[in-house]
Amino acid sequence: MQGLFYRVRRTAAHLARYRHIMSVLIKYGFEEVAGLVARRFRVGLGSKGIPTNRSEEMLQVSAARRLRMAMEELGPTFIKLGQLLSTRPDLIPAEFVEEFERLQDQVTPERPEIIREEIRRQLGAYPEELFAAFEVEPIAAASIAQVHRVRLKDGRIGAMKIRRPGIVKVIRTELEILEDFAALLKRRLRNGDVIDPQRMVREFAQAVLKEVDLSRERKNLQRFGRNFADDPTVHVPAVFEEYCTEAILMMEFIEGIKPSQIEQLRAEGYDTKEIARRGADFVLKQVFDFGFFHTDPHPGNFLIMKGNVLAPLDFGQVGRLSRPDRELMQAIVLSIVSGDVTRVLQALERAEMIEERTDILELRRDLEDLLDNYSNMPLKDIPFGEAIRRGFEIIRSHHIQPPRDFTLMLKCLMTIESFARGLDPDFQIINHLKPYARRFTMESYKPSGVLRQLGKAVQGAGELAGRFPEDAAAILSKVRRGQFHIHIHHEHLDELERTMDNSSNRLSFAIIIAALLIASSLLVAQEGTVLGLLSLEALGIAGYLTAAVVGVWLLVLILQGRRF
C-alpha cells in the first residue's frame, strides 16, 4: 500500500512533464504509445489535456527518424537515452542505431551570472578572484555541462568543465518517469522478447548518474594518463586537482586540430595515415592491454597535436572488460580470420551467453553463413564493421545477451574503424586486430598466465567445496519434504531404441560367428566321428562354411545400412 501511494504521489508530481511528453509523442506520430501511457497514468487527452494535432506528412518519415526527432525535442535525459541505445546494436535494429547516432547534444549555454555563482559555490570564490582570466563565452555547451577556457595565475591554460546547476534534479525526475514507462512497456512484451525495458532503464540510470558526477570523469582521466604515460603517440590532458569538485573538472587546455578537418591536417603537414593507425592502436591497447576503454572514440572526442599526437578529450563514459570478455573478443577476431565458428561457440558458452532456448545448430549455421561471405577475401579486404553489424543481428535473433561492456567494446571498434577510414580510405582494422589477439593468446601460455589460470581453478574448487555441505543439506531437505523432482525430456527415443536393438543384433551375430570359428578350429584338429557317421574334421569344415556365409551376409547388411 505504501509503495502504491508513493507511485501515485510521484506521478502527480510529474503530471506536467507527462503531458509534455505525450504531446511530443503525438506530434511525431506515436499516438498509440501516448494513449497507452495516458490511460495508465490518468493523463487527459484532448482539449482539456494534451493537444492531439500532428502533421500527416510526419507519418511519411520512418519510425526511427521520428523517434530520434522526438528525443531531441524532449531534452537532455531522452537524448542521453538515445545515445546509450545507439551503443546497443545487440538489442535494437540497425536503422534505430543509425538514427540515434545522429542525436545532437547542443543546447543554449547557461547565463554568465549563473555560471559565475556556481563557481563560487563549488570553489569558494568568484572566477575573477581565482584566475588570471576566465572566458565567459563557453567553447562547448552540452546538456549536462559546458566548457570554458581559463588562464591560471601561474600561466597555465585550463579547460574548465562546469556542470549545469540543477541538472541532477532534472535527470533524477525524468529517470523516475522512464522507470514508469519501462514498467508499463514490460507488461506488454512477450516472454520471449530479448529486450527488458526495466533492465535497460536501470543501466541507463547508472550510466547517466555516473556521467553527471565529474569526480568520476576526473578519476577516469587520471587512469588513462597512467596507462599511456609511456606512449609518445598519445597525450592525455593533465588534471588540475585543486580546481576539481563533483561539479567541476579542470584539465589542461589542448591546442590541436579535429580529425574531421582532414584538408587542414594535410595542408599543415600531418600524416593522416599515421593518425589513423595511431587511433586504432590507441583503442586496441585499451581493450587488450588494459581492459579499460573509452566507449565513444568518434572524431569529436579527439584533437590532433603537433607530431601526429592524439589527444583524447571526453572521459565521462568508459567500459571495463574482464579477461573472459577479452578472450571472447580474441575468439571472434581469429574466427573471422580463419573461418572457425567452433571457436566462437565455445567462447560464447564459456561466457554463459547462450540461453537454454537458443538452437545451437541454427546458431552455428547462421555464423557459418556469415563467415562464408568473407572466407575468400584477402585479410585487408574484410569489412570488419559490416561483419560485426551482421553479427549483432544474429545475436538478437538467437536471444543472446552479451554483457553491456562487451557490446560497448564491439561498438567502440566499429567507431574507431570509421574514424580511421575517414583519415585513410585504405585502412583495415582487422590488420591491426590480429596481432593484439595473438599476443593476448600467447600471454595465456606464459608461466604467469598458466599460474593465474591454475589459481582460478583452485579457487573455484575451494569455493565449490566450501558450498558443498550447504548445497547438499538444501537438496536433502527438499528430498525429505517431497519437493525434489527430476524431469526427463527425451526426443527421438524410439529411433534410439531401434538403433540400439539393431546394433545388439549385429553384435550377437558377430559373437556367434566368432564362436563357430573357434569351435570349428578345435574340431578340425581332432580325430574321430560323431555318431559313427560324420568325422569331426568334416564337422569343423562345415562350421567354417557356416561362419563364412553368416559373416558375408552380416557384412552386406552393414554396408547397405539395413536393419535385421
Protein backbone atom coordinates (compact mmCIF):
# COMPACT_ATOMS: atom_id res chain seq x y z
CA MET A 1 0.00 0.00 0.00
CA GLN A 2 2.81 2.39 0.90
CA GLY A 3 4.56 1.65 -2.40
CA LEU A 4 1.36 2.31 -4.35
CA PHE A 5 0.84 5.63 -2.52
CA TYR A 6 4.41 6.64 -3.34
CA ARG A 7 3.95 5.88 -7.06
CA VAL A 8 0.65 7.80 -7.20
CA ARG A 9 2.22 10.81 -5.45
CA ARG A 10 5.24 10.66 -7.75
CA THR A 11 3.07 10.51 -10.84
CA ALA A 12 1.01 13.51 -9.64
CA ALA A 13 4.20 15.49 -9.04
CA HIS A 14 5.35 14.86 -12.61
CA LEU A 15 1.95 15.46 -14.26
CA ALA A 16 3.04 18.50 -16.27
CA ARG A 17 6.06 16.66 -17.65
CA TYR A 18 3.91 13.64 -18.53
CA ARG A 19 1.59 15.89 -20.53
CA HIS A 20 4.53 17.45 -22.38
CA ILE A 21 5.92 14.01 -23.23
CA MET A 22 2.52 12.87 -24.50
CA SER A 23 2.14 15.95 -26.71
CA VAL A 24 5.59 15.35 -28.24
CA LEU A 25 4.82 11.66 -28.88
CA ILE A 26 1.58 12.61 -30.63
CA LYS A 27 3.35 15.31 -32.67
CA TYR A 28 5.72 12.70 -34.09
CA GLY A 29 3.09 10.08 -34.83
CA PHE A 30 3.20 7.87 -31.72
CA GLU A 31 -0.47 8.31 -30.70
CA GLU A 32 -0.87 4.70 -29.67
CA VAL A 33 2.01 4.93 -27.22
CA ALA A 34 0.76 8.28 -25.93
CA GLY A 35 -2.75 6.90 -25.41
CA LEU A 36 -1.43 3.84 -23.62
CA VAL A 37 0.64 5.92 -21.23
CA ALA A 38 -2.20 8.41 -20.72
CA ARG A 39 -4.64 5.64 -19.76
CA ARG A 40 -2.13 4.08 -17.44
CA PHE A 41 -1.25 7.28 -15.61
CA ARG A 42 -4.61 9.05 -15.95
CA VAL A 43 -3.21 11.90 -18.03
CA GLY A 44 -6.04 13.51 -20.01
CA LEU A 45 -6.01 13.80 -23.82
CA GLY A 46 -7.89 16.29 -25.99
CA SER A 47 -8.89 19.85 -25.39
CA LYS A 48 -8.66 19.64 -21.63
CA GLY A 49 -5.41 17.79 -21.60
CA ILE A 50 -2.93 17.22 -24.37
CA PRO A 51 -3.10 18.71 -27.86
CA THR A 52 -3.69 15.96 -30.42
CA ASN A 53 -2.61 17.85 -33.54
CA ARG A 54 0.03 16.32 -35.76
CA SER A 55 1.21 16.66 -39.31
CA GLU A 56 0.13 13.96 -41.75
CA GLU A 57 3.44 14.48 -43.52
CA MET A 58 5.21 13.26 -40.39
CA LEU A 59 3.84 9.76 -40.95
CA GLN A 60 5.79 9.59 -44.23
CA VAL A 61 9.01 9.69 -42.20
CA SER A 62 10.47 6.44 -40.83
CA ALA A 63 9.63 5.50 -37.24
CA ALA A 64 13.34 5.55 -36.34
CA ARG A 65 13.79 9.12 -37.55
CA ARG A 66 10.56 10.30 -35.88
CA LEU A 67 11.66 8.80 -32.57
CA ARG A 68 15.05 10.48 -32.86
CA MET A 69 13.38 13.85 -33.51
CA ALA A 70 11.05 13.32 -30.52
CA MET A 71 14.03 12.58 -28.27
CA GLU A 72 15.79 15.75 -29.36
CA GLU A 73 12.72 17.80 -28.53
CA LEU A 74 12.22 16.10 -25.15
CA GLY A 75 15.63 17.23 -23.99
CA PRO A 76 18.77 16.09 -22.16
CA THR A 77 17.69 12.86 -20.49
CA PHE A 78 15.98 11.47 -23.58
CA ILE A 79 18.92 12.50 -25.77
CA LYS A 80 21.25 10.62 -23.44
CA LEU A 81 18.92 7.61 -23.55
CA GLY A 82 19.02 7.60 -27.35
CA GLN A 83 22.80 7.89 -27.33
CA LEU A 84 23.00 4.92 -24.97
CA LEU A 85 20.69 2.88 -27.19
CA SER A 86 22.90 3.68 -30.18
CA THR A 87 25.62 1.65 -28.45
CA ARG A 88 23.39 -1.41 -28.15
CA PRO A 89 23.01 -2.91 -31.65
CA ASP A 90 22.52 -6.25 -29.89
CA LEU A 91 19.14 -5.00 -28.63
CA ILE A 92 17.68 -2.64 -31.26
CA PRO A 93 17.52 -2.79 -35.08
CA ALA A 94 20.27 -1.20 -37.17
CA GLU A 95 18.05 1.60 -38.54
CA PHE A 96 17.35 2.86 -35.00
CA VAL A 97 21.04 2.62 -34.09
CA GLU A 98 21.98 4.76 -37.10
CA GLU A 99 19.36 7.39 -36.28
CA PHE A 100 20.22 7.57 -32.58
CA GLU A 101 23.88 8.09 -33.50
CA ARG A 102 22.77 11.40 -35.06
CA LEU A 103 21.32 12.75 -31.81
CA GLN A 104 22.71 16.21 -31.18
CA ASP A 105 23.51 17.29 -27.66
CA GLN A 106 23.93 21.02 -28.35
CA VAL A 107 21.96 23.45 -26.18
CA THR A 108 21.98 27.11 -25.27
CA PRO A 109 24.71 27.95 -22.72
CA GLU A 110 23.80 28.99 -19.18
CA ARG A 111 23.80 32.71 -18.44
CA PRO A 112 27.21 34.02 -17.26
CA GLU A 113 25.91 35.10 -13.85
CA ILE A 114 24.62 31.56 -13.16
CA ILE A 115 27.98 30.01 -14.05
CA ARG A 116 29.81 32.65 -12.01
CA GLU A 117 27.67 31.87 -8.96
CA GLU A 118 28.15 28.10 -9.43
CA ILE A 119 31.94 28.52 -9.44
CA ARG A 120 31.73 30.47 -6.19
CA ARG A 121 29.53 27.77 -4.65
CA GLN A 122 31.91 24.98 -5.71
CA LEU A 123 35.34 26.61 -5.23
CA GLY A 124 34.61 29.25 -2.59
CA ALA A 125 35.35 32.34 -4.71
CA TYR A 126 34.31 34.02 -7.95
CA PRO A 127 36.33 33.30 -11.12
CA GLU A 128 37.93 36.78 -11.22
CA GLU A 129 39.34 36.06 -7.75
CA LEU A 130 40.61 32.59 -8.64
CA PHE A 131 42.05 33.01 -12.13
CA ALA A 132 44.10 35.43 -14.16
CA ALA A 133 41.46 35.23 -16.90
CA PHE A 134 38.12 33.50 -17.38
CA GLU A 135 36.40 33.43 -20.79
CA VAL A 136 32.66 33.95 -20.26
CA GLU A 137 31.74 32.53 -23.67
CA PRO A 138 31.97 28.71 -23.46
CA ILE A 139 33.99 26.81 -26.07
CA ALA A 140 31.43 23.96 -25.88
CA ALA A 141 27.96 23.60 -24.37
CA ALA A 142 26.04 20.36 -23.91
CA SER A 143 23.02 19.32 -21.88
CA ILE A 144 24.94 18.27 -18.78
CA ALA A 145 27.91 20.64 -18.74
CA GLN A 146 29.70 23.39 -20.60
CA VAL A 147 33.42 24.13 -21.02
CA HIS A 148 35.24 27.45 -20.50
CA ARG A 149 38.83 28.44 -21.27
CA VAL A 150 40.73 29.61 -18.18
CA ARG A 151 44.21 31.12 -17.64
CA LEU A 152 45.56 30.31 -14.18
CA LYS A 153 47.66 32.73 -12.17
CA ASP A 154 50.77 30.62 -12.78
CA GLY A 155 50.30 30.95 -16.56
CA ARG A 156 48.87 27.52 -17.29
CA ILE A 157 45.87 27.34 -19.62
CA GLY A 158 43.00 25.18 -18.44
CA ALA A 159 39.67 23.91 -19.78
CA MET A 160 37.04 24.13 -17.04
CA LYS A 161 34.08 21.78 -17.42
CA ILE A 162 31.17 23.02 -15.28
CA ARG A 163 28.04 21.01 -14.61
CA ARG A 164 24.80 22.88 -15.20
CA PRO A 165 23.19 23.86 -11.87
CA GLY A 166 20.05 21.83 -11.16
CA ILE A 167 20.67 19.28 -13.93
CA VAL A 168 20.98 16.37 -11.46
CA LYS A 169 17.48 17.05 -10.09
CA VAL A 170 16.07 17.25 -13.63
CA ILE A 171 17.69 13.97 -14.63
CA ARG A 172 16.50 12.15 -11.49
CA THR A 173 12.92 13.32 -12.17
CA GLU A 174 12.98 12.10 -15.74
CA LEU A 175 14.59 8.82 -14.71
CA GLU A 176 11.55 8.23 -12.48
CA ILE A 177 9.29 8.86 -15.48
CA LEU A 178 11.34 6.47 -17.62
CA GLU A 179 11.06 3.82 -14.90
CA ASP A 180 7.26 4.15 -15.07
CA PHE A 181 7.34 3.87 -18.87
CA ALA A 182 9.61 0.81 -18.71
CA ALA A 183 7.34 -0.99 -16.24
CA LEU A 184 4.35 -0.30 -18.49
CA LEU A 185 6.18 -1.49 -21.60
CA LYS A 186 7.45 -4.67 -19.97
CA ARG A 187 3.89 -5.78 -19.17
CA ARG A 188 3.06 -5.56 -22.88
CA LEU A 189 6.07 -7.52 -24.13
CA ARG A 190 6.07 -11.27 -24.73
CA ASN A 191 8.13 -13.52 -22.51
CA GLY A 192 10.32 -14.43 -25.44
CA ASP A 193 11.33 -10.84 -26.25
CA VAL A 194 15.02 -10.11 -25.87
CA ILE A 195 14.57 -6.54 -24.65
CA ASP A 196 13.97 -5.98 -20.94
CA PRO A 197 13.00 -2.28 -20.77
CA GLN A 198 13.33 -2.08 -17.00
CA ARG A 199 16.85 -3.50 -17.13
CA MET A 200 17.74 -1.04 -19.88
CA VAL A 201 16.45 1.92 -17.85
CA ARG A 202 18.42 0.75 -14.81
CA GLU A 203 21.59 0.50 -16.90
CA PHE A 204 20.91 3.91 -18.37
CA ALA A 205 20.27 5.44 -14.95
CA GLN A 206 23.59 4.10 -13.65
CA ALA A 207 25.45 5.40 -16.70
CA VAL A 208 23.95 8.90 -16.75
CA LEU A 209 24.29 9.42 -12.99
CA LYS A 210 27.96 8.48 -13.29
CA GLU A 211 28.37 10.95 -16.14
CA VAL A 212 26.97 13.89 -14.16
CA ASP A 213 29.47 13.17 -11.36
CA LEU A 214 32.56 14.94 -12.72
CA SER A 215 34.75 13.50 -9.97
CA ARG A 216 34.31 10.12 -11.70
CA GLU A 217 35.41 11.61 -15.01
CA ARG A 218 38.47 13.06 -13.24
CA LYS A 219 39.42 9.58 -11.98
CA ASN A 220 38.91 8.12 -15.46
CA LEU A 221 41.10 10.85 -16.95
CA GLN A 222 43.86 10.17 -14.42
CA ARG A 223 43.72 6.43 -15.08
CA PHE A 224 44.08 6.99 -18.82
CA GLY A 225 47.02 9.26 -18.08
CA ARG A 226 48.76 6.49 -16.12
CA ASN A 227 48.00 3.86 -18.80
CA PHE A 228 49.50 5.97 -21.62
CA ALA A 229 52.23 7.73 -19.64
CA ASP A 230 54.98 5.98 -21.64
CA ASP A 231 53.27 6.25 -25.04
CA PRO A 232 54.61 9.23 -27.04
CA THR A 233 51.82 8.91 -29.63
CA VAL A 234 49.07 9.78 -27.12
CA HIS A 235 48.78 12.87 -24.89
CA VAL A 236 46.19 12.62 -22.12
CA PRO A 237 45.37 16.07 -20.66
CA ALA A 238 46.73 16.72 -17.18
CA VAL A 239 44.28 17.31 -14.32
CA PHE A 240 44.43 20.44 -12.14
CA GLU A 241 43.10 18.79 -8.99
CA GLU A 242 42.99 21.94 -6.84
CA TYR A 243 40.11 23.20 -9.01
CA CYS A 244 38.13 19.93 -9.22
CA THR A 245 34.89 19.01 -7.43
CA GLU A 246 31.88 16.80 -8.11
CA ALA A 247 30.51 19.57 -10.37
CA ILE A 248 33.76 20.97 -11.84
CA LEU A 249 36.56 19.29 -13.77
CA MET A 250 39.63 21.40 -14.58
CA MET A 251 42.08 19.92 -17.07
CA GLU A 252 44.87 21.06 -19.35
CA PHE A 253 43.68 23.03 -22.39
CA ILE A 254 44.72 21.26 -25.61
CA GLU A 255 45.67 23.11 -28.79
CA GLY A 256 45.03 20.95 -31.82
CA ILE A 257 43.05 20.16 -34.97
CA LYS A 258 39.94 17.99 -35.09
CA PRO A 259 40.42 14.70 -37.01
CA SER A 260 37.38 15.58 -39.14
CA GLN A 261 39.29 18.59 -40.57
CA ILE A 262 41.25 16.39 -42.97
CA GLU A 263 42.16 19.06 -45.52
CA GLN A 264 43.59 21.30 -42.80
CA LEU A 265 45.60 18.39 -41.38
CA ARG A 266 47.11 17.63 -44.77
CA ALA A 267 47.72 21.30 -45.54
CA GLU A 268 49.71 21.68 -42.32
CA GLY A 269 51.82 18.58 -43.00
CA TYR A 270 50.13 15.99 -40.77
CA ASP A 271 50.28 12.31 -41.79
CA THR A 272 46.64 11.23 -41.87
CA LYS A 273 47.50 7.55 -42.46
CA GLU A 274 49.74 7.57 -39.39
CA ILE A 275 46.99 9.28 -37.36
CA ALA A 276 44.54 6.56 -38.45
CA ARG A 277 46.96 3.84 -37.34
CA ARG A 278 47.62 5.54 -34.01
CA GLY A 279 43.88 5.98 -33.39
CA ALA A 280 43.34 2.24 -33.89
CA ASP A 281 46.29 1.34 -31.66
CA PHE A 282 45.01 3.73 -29.00
CA VAL A 283 41.72 1.81 -28.79
CA LEU A 284 43.19 -1.69 -29.15
CA LYS A 285 45.68 -1.08 -26.32
CA GLN A 286 42.77 -0.09 -24.10
CA VAL A 287 40.84 -3.25 -24.97
CA PHE A 288 43.57 -5.90 -24.93
CA ASP A 289 46.24 -4.42 -22.64
CA PHE A 290 44.22 -2.56 -20.02
CA GLY A 291 40.65 -3.86 -20.20
CA PHE A 292 39.61 -0.23 -19.64
CA PHE A 293 38.47 1.75 -22.65
CA HIS A 294 36.91 4.94 -23.99
CA THR A 295 33.42 3.93 -25.17
CA ASP A 296 32.92 6.60 -27.83
CA PRO A 297 36.12 7.32 -29.80
CA HIS A 298 34.45 9.41 -32.52
CA PRO A 299 36.38 12.29 -34.15
CA GLY A 300 34.70 14.91 -31.96
CA ASN A 301 36.36 13.44 -28.87
CA PHE A 302 39.94 13.91 -30.14
CA LEU A 303 42.34 16.64 -31.12
CA ILE A 304 45.49 16.11 -33.18
CA MET A 305 48.57 17.85 -31.80
CA LYS A 306 51.92 18.55 -33.47
CA GLY A 307 53.83 15.38 -34.39
CA ASN A 308 50.60 13.45 -35.18
CA VAL A 309 49.97 13.05 -31.45
CA LEU A 310 46.42 12.07 -30.40
CA ALA A 311 44.78 13.91 -27.51
CA PRO A 312 41.53 12.29 -26.23
CA LEU A 313 39.13 14.75 -24.60
CA ASP A 314 35.96 13.25 -23.12
CA PHE A 315 36.23 10.61 -20.38
CA GLY A 316 32.71 10.58 -18.97
CA GLN A 317 31.78 7.16 -20.31
CA VAL A 318 34.22 4.26 -20.05
CA GLY A 319 33.93 0.49 -20.28
CA ARG A 320 35.67 -2.30 -18.40
CA LEU A 321 36.45 -5.72 -19.83
CA SER A 322 37.10 -8.86 -17.84
CA ARG A 323 39.63 -11.37 -19.12
CA PRO A 324 36.84 -13.74 -20.31
CA ASP A 325 35.39 -10.83 -22.32
CA ARG A 326 38.78 -10.24 -23.93
CA GLU A 327 39.12 -13.97 -24.64
CA LEU A 328 35.76 -13.86 -26.39
CA MET A 329 36.91 -10.89 -28.46
CA GLN A 330 40.06 -12.78 -29.39
CA ALA A 331 37.95 -15.78 -30.46
CA ILE A 332 35.76 -13.53 -32.64
CA VAL A 333 38.77 -11.94 -34.34
CA LEU A 334 40.55 -15.22 -35.00
CA SER A 335 37.33 -16.86 -36.22
CA ILE A 336 36.77 -14.07 -38.76
CA VAL A 337 40.33 -14.55 -39.97
CA SER A 338 40.26 -18.38 -40.01
CA GLY A 339 36.53 -19.04 -40.60
CA ASP A 340 36.39 -21.21 -37.43
CA VAL A 341 32.89 -20.99 -35.95
CA THR A 342 33.55 -23.58 -33.22
CA ARG A 343 35.96 -21.19 -31.54
CA VAL A 344 33.21 -18.56 -31.24
CA LEU A 345 30.60 -21.02 -29.93
CA GLN A 346 32.99 -22.33 -27.28
CA ALA A 347 33.77 -18.78 -26.16
CA LEU A 348 30.06 -17.89 -26.00
CA GLU A 349 29.37 -20.97 -23.87
CA ARG A 350 32.29 -20.20 -21.53
CA ALA A 351 30.93 -16.68 -21.11
CA GLU A 352 27.47 -18.18 -20.32
CA MET A 353 25.80 -16.03 -23.01
CA ILE A 354 23.88 -18.84 -24.69
CA GLU A 355 20.42 -19.38 -23.23
CA GLU A 356 18.63 -22.71 -22.93
CA ARG A 357 16.14 -21.69 -25.64
CA THR A 358 18.91 -21.00 -28.18
CA ASP A 359 19.07 -23.52 -31.03
CA ILE A 360 22.81 -24.25 -31.21
CA LEU A 361 22.65 -25.92 -34.62
CA GLU A 362 20.73 -23.00 -36.11
CA LEU A 363 23.14 -20.54 -34.48
CA ARG A 364 26.10 -22.46 -35.94
CA ARG A 365 24.56 -22.36 -39.42
CA ASP A 366 23.94 -18.61 -39.21
CA LEU A 367 27.51 -17.96 -38.05
CA GLU A 368 28.93 -20.21 -40.78
CA ASP A 369 26.88 -18.35 -43.39
CA LEU A 370 28.22 -15.08 -42.03
CA LEU A 371 31.86 -16.17 -42.15
CA ASP A 372 31.46 -17.83 -45.57
CA ASN A 373 30.89 -14.36 -47.00
CA TYR A 374 34.42 -13.37 -46.02
CA SER A 375 36.26 -16.69 -46.33
CA ASN A 376 37.71 -15.98 -49.81
CA MET A 377 38.56 -12.34 -49.13
CA PRO A 378 42.11 -11.16 -48.51
CA LEU A 379 42.60 -10.11 -44.92
CA LYS A 380 42.88 -6.45 -45.91
CA ASP A 381 39.50 -6.51 -47.68
CA ILE A 382 37.41 -7.96 -44.83
CA PRO A 383 34.83 -5.29 -43.78
CA PHE A 384 35.10 -5.67 -40.03
CA GLY A 385 32.39 -3.16 -39.19
CA GLU A 386 29.90 -4.80 -41.55
CA ALA A 387 30.75 -8.25 -40.14
CA ILE A 388 30.13 -7.05 -36.58
CA ARG A 389 26.83 -5.39 -37.55
CA ARG A 390 25.60 -8.61 -39.12
CA GLY A 391 26.84 -10.48 -36.07
CA PHE A 392 24.68 -8.26 -33.86
CA GLU A 393 21.64 -9.19 -35.98
CA ILE A 394 22.39 -12.88 -35.37
CA ILE A 395 22.85 -12.23 -31.64
CA ARG A 396 19.43 -10.56 -31.44
CA SER A 397 17.66 -13.30 -33.39
CA HIS A 398 19.07 -16.08 -31.17
CA HIS A 399 18.33 -14.37 -27.83
CA ILE A 400 22.00 -13.99 -26.89
CA GLN A 401 22.61 -11.25 -24.35
CA PRO A 402 26.26 -10.24 -24.13
CA PRO A 403 27.43 -8.09 -21.22
CA ARG A 404 26.90 -4.37 -21.75
CA ASP A 405 30.61 -3.54 -21.69
CA PHE A 406 31.37 -6.24 -24.25
CA THR A 407 28.80 -4.75 -26.62
CA LEU A 408 30.23 -1.28 -25.99
CA MET A 409 33.67 -2.59 -26.88
CA LEU A 410 32.49 -4.00 -30.23
CA LYS A 411 30.68 -0.74 -30.98
CA CYS A 412 33.87 1.11 -29.99
CA LEU A 413 35.88 -0.89 -32.54
CA MET A 414 33.31 -0.13 -35.24
CA THR A 415 33.54 3.59 -34.38
CA ILE A 416 37.33 3.70 -34.49
CA GLU A 417 37.32 1.88 -37.83
CA SER A 418 35.03 4.57 -39.24
CA PHE A 419 37.24 7.23 -37.61
CA ALA A 420 40.38 5.75 -39.20
CA ARG A 421 38.84 5.27 -42.66
CA GLY A 422 37.92 8.94 -42.72
CA LEU A 423 41.65 9.66 -42.48
CA ASP A 424 42.84 6.73 -44.60
CA PRO A 425 40.34 5.15 -47.05
CA ASP A 426 42.55 2.03 -47.31
CA PHE A 427 42.59 1.42 -43.56
CA GLN A 428 41.52 -2.05 -42.37
CA ILE A 429 41.23 -2.55 -38.62
CA ILE A 430 41.41 -6.33 -38.97
CA ASN A 431 45.10 -5.95 -39.87
CA HIS A 432 45.66 -4.27 -36.50
CA LEU A 433 43.38 -6.55 -34.52
CA LYS A 434 45.08 -9.84 -35.35
CA PRO A 435 48.48 -9.14 -33.69
CA TYR A 436 46.79 -7.94 -30.49
CA ALA A 437 44.57 -11.03 -30.34
CA ARG A 438 47.52 -13.37 -30.93
CA ARG A 439 49.66 -11.61 -28.32
CA PHE A 440 46.79 -11.84 -25.85
CA THR A 441 46.59 -15.58 -26.55
CA MET A 442 50.34 -16.10 -26.13
CA GLU A 443 50.24 -14.40 -22.74
CA SER A 444 47.88 -17.14 -21.57
CA TYR A 445 50.64 -19.72 -22.16
CA LYS A 446 53.33 -17.86 -20.24
CA PRO A 447 54.16 -19.28 -16.79
CA SER A 448 52.40 -16.33 -15.16
CA GLY A 449 49.30 -16.92 -17.29
CA VAL A 450 49.26 -20.65 -16.55
CA LEU A 451 49.69 -19.98 -12.84
CA ARG A 452 46.86 -17.44 -12.96
CA GLN A 453 44.51 -19.97 -14.58
CA LEU A 454 45.62 -22.64 -12.11
CA GLY A 455 44.98 -20.25 -9.23
CA LYS A 456 41.47 -19.56 -10.54
CA ALA A 457 40.81 -23.28 -10.85
CA VAL A 458 41.99 -23.94 -7.28
CA GLN A 459 39.93 -21.01 -6.02
CA GLY A 460 36.86 -22.28 -7.86
CA ALA A 461 37.34 -25.77 -6.48
CA GLY A 462 37.73 -24.36 -2.98
CA GLU A 463 34.55 -22.31 -3.30
CA LEU A 464 32.69 -25.37 -4.60
CA ALA A 465 33.97 -27.48 -1.72
CA GLY A 466 33.02 -24.79 0.78
CA ARG A 467 29.48 -24.59 -0.59
CA PHE A 468 29.03 -28.36 -0.85
CA PRO A 469 27.75 -29.05 2.71
CA GLU A 470 25.21 -26.22 2.46
CA ASP A 471 24.08 -27.26 -1.04
CA ALA A 472 23.85 -30.92 -0.04
CA ALA A 473 21.79 -30.04 3.03
CA ALA A 474 19.41 -27.98 0.88
CA ILE A 475 18.95 -30.88 -1.55
CA LEU A 476 18.33 -33.41 1.24
CA SER A 477 15.83 -31.05 2.84
CA LYS A 478 13.87 -30.89 -0.42
CA VAL A 479 14.01 -34.68 -0.71
CA ARG A 480 12.55 -35.09 2.80
CA ARG A 481 9.75 -32.64 2.01
CA GLY A 482 8.98 -34.34 -1.29
CA GLN A 483 9.96 -31.22 -3.24
CA PHE A 484 12.84 -32.75 -5.16
CA HIS A 485 11.85 -33.76 -8.66
CA ILE A 486 13.79 -34.92 -11.68
CA HIS A 487 12.24 -34.16 -15.03
CA ILE A 488 13.46 -36.12 -18.05
CA HIS A 489 12.65 -34.90 -21.51
CA HIS A 490 13.55 -37.05 -24.50
CA GLU A 491 13.31 -36.62 -28.22
CA HIS A 492 13.56 -39.43 -30.81
CA LEU A 493 13.89 -42.09 -28.10
CA ASP A 494 12.08 -44.67 -30.27
CA GLU A 495 14.61 -44.20 -33.01
CA LEU A 496 17.42 -44.60 -30.48
CA GLU A 497 15.84 -47.81 -29.18
CA ARG A 498 15.62 -49.27 -32.69
CA THR A 499 19.22 -48.34 -33.37
CA MET A 500 20.40 -50.00 -30.15
CA ASP A 501 18.39 -53.16 -30.95
CA ASN A 502 19.90 -53.28 -34.40
CA SER A 503 23.41 -52.85 -33.02
CA SER A 504 22.89 -55.53 -30.36
CA ASN A 505 21.62 -57.96 -33.02
CA ARG A 506 24.69 -57.38 -35.15
CA LEU A 507 26.94 -57.84 -32.11
CA SER A 508 25.19 -61.10 -31.25
CA PHE A 509 25.74 -62.45 -34.77
CA ALA A 510 29.36 -61.41 -34.64
CA ILE A 511 29.80 -63.34 -31.37
CA ILE A 512 28.13 -66.41 -32.90
CA ILE A 513 30.45 -66.23 -35.93
CA ALA A 514 33.46 -65.99 -33.64
CA ALA A 515 32.26 -68.96 -31.60
CA LEU A 516 31.76 -71.01 -34.80
CA LEU A 517 35.25 -70.19 -35.95
CA ILE A 518 36.81 -71.14 -32.62
CA ALA A 519 34.78 -74.34 -32.30
CA SER A 520 35.50 -75.30 -35.93
CA SER A 521 39.21 -74.77 -35.39
CA LEU A 522 39.14 -77.13 -32.42
CA LEU A 523 37.15 -79.78 -34.30
CA VAL A 524 39.37 -79.78 -37.37
CA ALA A 525 42.36 -80.59 -35.21
CA GLN A 526 40.61 -83.61 -33.66
CA GLU A 527 40.27 -87.22 -34.91
CA GLY A 528 37.09 -89.32 -34.59
CA THR A 529 33.47 -89.27 -35.67
CA VAL A 530 30.09 -88.08 -34.47
CA LEU A 531 27.69 -90.99 -34.00
CA GLY A 532 30.00 -93.01 -36.27
CA LEU A 533 28.72 -91.12 -39.32
CA LEU A 534 30.45 -87.70 -39.62
CA SER A 535 34.08 -87.08 -38.88
CA LEU A 536 34.98 -84.27 -36.50
CA GLU A 537 37.15 -82.70 -39.22
CA ALA A 538 34.19 -82.56 -41.62
CA LEU A 539 32.03 -81.03 -38.89
CA GLY A 540 34.67 -78.36 -38.32
CA ILE A 541 34.81 -77.56 -42.04
CA ALA A 542 31.00 -77.25 -42.07
CA GLY A 543 31.31 -74.80 -39.17
CA TYR A 544 33.83 -72.76 -41.16
CA LEU A 545 31.46 -72.61 -44.14
CA THR A 546 28.51 -71.58 -41.93
CA ALA A 547 30.58 -68.82 -40.28
CA ALA A 548 31.69 -67.59 -43.71
CA VAL A 549 28.12 -67.43 -45.08
CA VAL A 550 26.76 -65.66 -41.97
CA GLY A 551 29.73 -63.30 -41.95
CA VAL A 552 29.25 -62.31 -45.61
CA TRP A 553 25.52 -61.82 -45.02
CA LEU A 554 26.19 -59.61 -41.97
CA LEU A 555 28.78 -57.58 -43.90
CA VAL A 556 26.34 -56.96 -46.77
CA LEU A 557 23.66 -55.77 -44.32
CA ILE A 558 26.11 -53.40 -42.63
CA LEU A 559 27.29 -51.94 -45.94
CA GLN A 560 23.69 -51.43 -47.10
CA GLY A 561 22.67 -49.87 -43.78
CA ARG A 562 19.75 -52.27 -43.43
CA ARG A 563 18.18 -53.44 -40.19
CA PHE A 564 17.67 -57.02 -39.09
